[in-house]
Amino acid sequence: MHLLNALTFVILAYKESPYLPQCIESLRRQTVPVRLVISTSTGNRFIDETAESFGIPVITHELHGIANDWNAALSCAETNLVTLAHQDDVYDPTYAESILDAFEKARQGGERPQILFTDYYEIRGTEKVYANMNLKVKRRLLRPLLSVKKRGRTAVKRRCLCFGNAICCPAVTYVMENLPVPLFEEGMGSNIDWQAWEKISREQGSFIYIPQPFMGHRIHENSTTTALIENNERGKEDFSMLHRFWPSWIASLIEKFYARAEDSNQRG
């Protein structure tokens, strides 16, 4: 039996996203009770009215930068388990239930979960995309984490990250008691999450991967990732991250192959 309201979804709201109501509605349809709160650094009438219509509190802060924004969002929750829900994305009704099930099993097995995350599908326009090259590669990289005996090993966690960021950030639930605070570091735009995974991969604990696609990540032209790809900042960040796992010359080679996969964010 799950603890009531053991998980908080902190919705990252920015400016006026037309997808925010759909995101909130998907969270309200979870099969287990959860807590909902909106965190924003761009408070406005649209966010306030949307939150009021759903009966959700809004916490506004004046911190600047993605890292500060996300750290502030994590601090909004009073529960040990926190999911940073991106306003453009949606969550299947059993997302929270699957996370809580996996968390309880890991704890009962003597593990120290750091993060838990599900697989995901892409939302492109009105279409749900469950399989493309980008998704197939990420699932391949994450396969070692399906082993309960191996998912707590530093080498295994880092192996899943050393060729690219295979973990979909909005699909992640954070176990706050087992994570450093602040978790996110300034200096990155699109790779702020990969940076966090790399940091905690060196610490004691498990990455719990649930291979079912229980949330949808929206790919659209106004996303931060797409903007960074277009101005080439993504490539610089990718090399910086790959260099944490490999010598410079190897990191450079991997980055060139990795850059081709980024086209999936624009073309599918």
Protein backbone atom coordinates (compact mmCIF):
# COMPACT_ATOMS: atom_id res chain seq x y z
CA MET A 1 0.00 0.00 0.00
CA HIS A 2 1.37 3.41 -0.96
CA LEU A 3 1.84 6.28 1.45
CA LEU A 4 -0.72 8.96 0.67
CA ASN A 5 0.65 12.00 -1.16
CA ALA A 6 4.21 10.65 -0.98
CA LEU A 7 5.15 12.26 -4.29
CA THR A 8 4.98 15.91 -5.32
CA PHE A 9 4.81 17.07 -8.91
CA VAL A 10 6.34 20.53 -9.11
CA ILE A 11 5.26 21.99 -12.43
CA LEU A 12 7.87 24.21 -14.03
CA ALA A 13 5.82 27.03 -15.56
CA TYR A 14 7.43 29.58 -17.84
CA LYS A 15 5.66 32.53 -19.43
CA GLU A 16 2.43 31.43 -21.19
CA SER A 17 2.53 27.88 -22.49
CA PRO A 18 -0.69 26.69 -24.18
CA TYR A 19 0.19 23.17 -23.04
CA LEU A 20 0.18 23.93 -19.30
CA PRO A 21 -3.51 22.98 -18.72
CA GLN A 22 -2.99 19.66 -20.51
CA CYS A 23 0.04 18.91 -18.35
CA ILE A 24 -1.88 19.65 -15.15
CA GLU A 25 -4.86 17.60 -16.27
CA SER A 26 -2.60 14.58 -16.86
CA LEU A 27 -1.23 14.92 -13.33
CA ARG A 28 -4.70 15.13 -11.85
CA ARG A 29 -5.52 11.78 -13.49
CA GLN A 30 -2.82 9.85 -11.60
CA THR A 31 -4.06 6.57 -10.14
CA VAL A 32 -2.57 7.35 -6.72
CA PRO A 33 -2.91 10.58 -4.67
CA VAL A 34 -0.13 13.09 -5.37
CA ARG A 35 0.59 16.69 -4.49
CA LEU A 36 0.71 19.41 -7.14
CA VAL A 37 2.36 22.82 -7.04
CA ILE A 38 3.50 25.29 -9.70
CA SER A 39 6.92 26.93 -9.50
CA THR A 40 7.75 29.89 -11.72
CA SER A 41 10.15 32.79 -12.11
CA THR A 42 7.86 34.46 -14.66
CA GLY A 43 4.67 34.95 -12.69
CA ASN A 44 1.81 36.23 -14.83
CA ARG A 45 -1.96 36.30 -15.07
CA PHE A 46 -2.14 33.24 -17.33
CA ILE A 47 -0.27 31.03 -14.85
CA ASP A 48 -2.25 32.37 -11.90
CA GLU A 49 -5.62 31.87 -13.59
CA THR A 50 -4.68 28.38 -14.80
CA ALA A 51 -3.53 27.39 -11.33
CA GLU A 52 -6.68 28.82 -9.75
CA SER A 53 -8.91 26.88 -12.15
CA PHE A 54 -7.27 23.64 -10.99
CA GLY A 55 -6.92 24.64 -7.34
CA ILE A 56 -3.11 24.44 -7.40
CA PRO A 57 -0.82 26.75 -5.38
CA VAL A 58 1.74 28.89 -7.22
CA ILE A 59 5.16 29.66 -5.78
CA THR A 60 6.90 32.54 -7.54
CA HIS A 61 10.59 33.27 -7.13
CA GLU A 62 12.94 35.83 -8.64
CA LEU A 63 15.96 33.61 -9.25
CA HIS A 64 17.46 33.68 -12.72
CA GLY A 65 18.97 30.86 -14.76
CA ILE A 66 17.74 27.32 -15.35
CA ALA A 67 19.81 25.81 -12.54
CA ASN A 68 18.47 28.25 -9.96
CA ASP A 69 14.96 27.83 -11.34
CA TRP A 70 15.07 24.04 -11.01
CA ASN A 71 16.71 24.10 -7.57
CA ALA A 72 14.00 26.48 -6.39
CA ALA A 73 11.37 24.13 -7.78
CA LEU A 74 12.79 21.17 -5.86
CA SER A 75 12.65 23.21 -2.66
CA CYS A 76 8.91 23.79 -3.15
CA ALA A 77 8.09 20.19 -2.22
CA GLU A 78 7.67 18.87 1.29
CA THR A 79 7.83 15.23 0.23
CA ASN A 80 10.89 13.03 -0.19
CA LEU A 81 9.94 12.17 -3.77
CA VAL A 82 9.74 15.04 -6.25
CA THR A 83 9.07 15.10 -9.99
CA LEU A 84 9.83 18.27 -11.94
CA ALA A 85 7.00 18.25 -14.47
CA HIS A 86 7.77 20.31 -17.55
CA GLN A 87 4.77 22.38 -18.60
CA ASP A 88 4.71 21.12 -22.18
CA ASP A 89 4.74 17.43 -21.29
CA VAL A 90 2.11 14.92 -20.18
CA TYR A 91 2.12 11.99 -17.78
CA ASP A 92 0.23 8.74 -18.19
CA PRO A 93 -2.15 7.92 -15.30
CA THR A 94 0.10 5.16 -13.91
CA TYR A 95 3.34 7.19 -13.89
CA ALA A 96 3.24 8.00 -10.16
CA GLU A 97 2.05 4.51 -9.22
CA SER A 98 4.91 2.89 -11.13
CA ILE A 99 7.43 5.21 -9.45
CA LEU A 100 6.09 4.48 -5.97
CA ASP A 101 6.05 0.72 -6.62
CA ALA A 102 9.66 0.78 -7.81
CA PHE A 103 10.74 2.97 -4.90
CA GLU A 104 9.19 0.68 -2.30
CA LYS A 105 10.69 -2.45 -3.86
CA ALA A 106 14.13 -0.85 -4.01
CA ARG A 107 13.97 0.25 -0.38
CA GLN A 108 12.79 -3.19 0.73
CA GLY A 109 15.70 -4.70 -1.17
CA GLY A 110 18.18 -2.58 0.76
CA GLU A 111 18.93 -0.14 -2.05
CA ARG A 112 19.52 3.59 -1.78
CA PRO A 113 17.56 5.07 -4.71
CA GLN A 114 18.83 8.42 -5.99
CA ILE A 115 16.53 8.88 -8.95
CA LEU A 116 13.73 6.84 -10.48
CA PHE A 117 12.62 7.34 -14.05
CA THR A 118 10.41 5.77 -16.68
CA ASP A 119 10.83 5.39 -20.39
CA TYR A 120 9.00 7.97 -22.49
CA TYR A 121 7.50 8.66 -25.88
CA GLU A 122 7.78 11.81 -27.96
CA ILE A 123 4.87 14.09 -28.77
CA ARG A 124 5.20 15.69 -32.18
CA GLY A 125 2.18 17.78 -32.97
CA THR A 126 -0.77 15.48 -32.27
CA GLU A 127 1.22 12.29 -32.79
CA LYS A 128 2.71 10.05 -30.10
CA VAL A 129 6.02 8.59 -31.29
CA TYR A 130 7.10 5.46 -29.42
CA ALA A 131 9.97 4.42 -31.67
CA ASN A 132 12.62 6.28 -33.64
CA MET A 133 16.41 6.13 -33.78
CA ASN A 134 16.84 8.58 -30.91
CA LEU A 135 14.59 6.56 -28.58
CA LYS A 136 16.10 3.23 -29.61
CA VAL A 137 19.64 4.42 -28.85
CA LYS A 138 18.66 5.77 -25.45
CA ARG A 139 16.89 2.53 -24.50
CA ARG A 140 19.98 0.58 -25.52
CA LEU A 141 22.21 2.77 -23.35
CA LEU A 142 19.90 2.34 -20.35
CA ARG A 143 19.57 -1.43 -20.63
CA PRO A 144 22.28 -2.20 -18.00
CA LEU A 145 20.13 -0.42 -15.38
CA LEU A 146 17.49 -3.13 -15.73
CA SER A 147 19.71 -5.34 -13.59
CA VAL A 148 18.83 -4.84 -9.92
CA LYS A 149 22.27 -6.11 -8.94
CA LYS A 150 24.10 -3.65 -11.20
CA ARG A 151 22.08 -0.41 -11.12
CA GLY A 152 23.79 0.79 -7.95
CA ARG A 153 27.32 0.37 -9.28
CA THR A 154 29.16 3.55 -10.18
CA ALA A 155 30.67 2.05 -13.33
CA VAL A 156 27.28 0.92 -14.61
CA LYS A 157 25.60 4.27 -13.94
CA ARG A 158 28.41 6.12 -15.70
CA ARG A 159 28.40 3.70 -18.63
CA CYS A 160 24.80 4.68 -19.30
CA LEU A 161 25.79 8.35 -19.47
CA CYS A 162 29.15 8.29 -21.22
CA PHE A 163 27.80 8.32 -24.80
CA GLY A 164 25.09 10.93 -24.26
CA ASN A 165 22.22 11.89 -22.01
CA ALA A 166 19.94 8.87 -22.21
CA ILE A 167 17.77 9.90 -19.24
CA CYS A 168 14.72 12.02 -20.08
CA CYS A 169 14.65 14.77 -17.45
CA PRO A 170 10.85 15.22 -17.09
CA ALA A 171 10.51 11.44 -16.61
CA VAL A 172 12.69 11.57 -13.48
CA THR A 173 11.58 11.49 -9.86
CA TYR A 174 14.16 12.69 -7.35
CA VAL A 175 14.71 11.03 -3.96
CA MET A 176 15.66 14.15 -2.06
CA GLU A 177 17.06 12.42 1.05
CA ASN A 178 19.72 10.77 -1.12
CA LEU A 179 20.74 13.77 -3.24
CA PRO A 180 23.06 16.74 -2.71
CA VAL A 181 21.55 20.20 -2.34
CA PRO A 182 21.72 22.18 -4.52
CA LEU A 183 21.51 19.48 -7.17
CA PHE A 184 21.74 21.54 -10.35
CA GLU A 185 24.79 23.66 -11.21
CA GLU A 186 24.98 26.84 -13.23
CA GLY A 187 26.85 26.94 -16.50
CA MET A 188 24.71 24.64 -18.64
CA GLY A 189 21.58 25.22 -20.70
CA SER A 190 20.35 22.04 -22.35
CA ASN A 191 22.63 19.71 -20.40
CA ILE A 192 21.82 20.87 -16.89
CA ASP A 193 20.22 17.47 -16.19
CA TRP A 194 23.06 15.41 -17.71
CA GLN A 195 25.42 17.40 -15.50
CA ALA A 196 23.38 16.42 -12.44
CA TRP A 197 23.27 12.73 -13.41
CA GLU A 198 27.03 12.72 -13.90
CA LYS A 199 27.58 14.28 -10.49
CA ILE A 200 25.40 11.86 -8.57
CA SER A 201 26.61 8.85 -10.58
CA ARG A 202 29.84 9.09 -8.56
CA GLU A 203 27.96 8.88 -5.26
CA GLN A 204 26.42 5.91 -3.47
CA GLY A 205 22.97 4.94 -4.67
CA SER A 206 20.91 3.46 -7.48
CA PHE A 207 19.43 4.73 -10.72
CA ILE A 208 16.05 2.99 -10.95
CA TYR A 209 14.90 2.63 -14.56
CA ILE A 210 11.33 1.62 -15.42
CA PRO A 211 11.34 0.57 -19.10
CA GLN A 212 7.67 1.32 -19.80
CA PRO A 213 6.90 4.68 -21.52
CA PHE A 214 4.70 6.32 -18.89
CA MET A 215 5.13 9.95 -19.95
CA GLY A 216 5.19 12.00 -23.12
CA HIS A 217 7.90 14.55 -23.89
CA ARG A 218 6.82 17.23 -26.35
CA ILE A 219 9.20 18.14 -29.17
CA HIS A 220 8.49 21.54 -30.69
CA GLU A 221 10.29 24.47 -32.27
CA ASN A 222 9.97 26.74 -29.25
CA SER A 223 11.73 24.40 -26.83
CA THR A 224 14.97 25.43 -25.11
CA THR A 225 16.77 22.40 -26.54
CA THR A 226 15.82 23.27 -30.11
CA ALA A 227 16.97 26.87 -29.63
CA LEU A 228 20.33 25.74 -28.27
CA ILE A 229 20.83 23.33 -31.18
CA GLU A 230 20.19 26.13 -33.66
CA ASN A 231 22.80 28.46 -32.15
CA ASN A 232 25.37 25.68 -31.69
CA GLU A 233 25.50 26.00 -27.90
CA ARG A 234 24.32 22.41 -27.56
CA GLY A 235 27.46 21.10 -29.29
CA LYS A 236 29.75 22.95 -26.89
CA GLU A 237 27.85 21.63 -23.90
CA ASP A 238 27.83 18.08 -25.25
CA PHE A 239 31.62 18.11 -25.64
CA SER A 240 32.03 19.53 -22.14
CA MET A 241 29.97 16.66 -20.71
CA LEU A 242 31.58 13.93 -22.80
CA HIS A 243 34.98 15.19 -21.67
CA ARG A 244 34.00 14.19 -18.11
CA PHE A 245 34.02 10.57 -19.25
CA TRP A 246 36.61 10.48 -22.03
CA PRO A 247 39.92 12.05 -23.14
CA SER A 248 39.47 15.09 -25.39
CA TRP A 249 40.05 13.33 -28.70
CA ILE A 250 37.56 10.57 -27.95
CA ALA A 251 35.02 13.08 -26.60
CA SER A 252 35.35 15.06 -29.83
CA LEU A 253 34.67 11.99 -31.98
CA ILE A 254 31.63 10.98 -29.94
CA GLU A 255 30.28 14.54 -30.04
CA LYS A 256 30.32 14.50 -33.85
CA PHE A 257 28.19 11.36 -33.93
CA TYR A 258 26.03 12.65 -31.10
CA ALA A 259 25.32 15.87 -33.02
CA ARG A 260 23.65 13.90 -35.79
CA ALA A 261 21.19 12.45 -33.31
CA GLU A 262 20.20 15.97 -32.29
CA ASP A 263 18.55 16.38 -35.68
CA SER A 264 15.84 14.11 -34.29
CA ASN A 265 14.81 16.99 -32.06
CA GLN A 266 13.97 19.00 -35.15
CA ARG A 267 12.97 16.54 -37.86
CA GLY A 268 11.92 13.35 -36.08
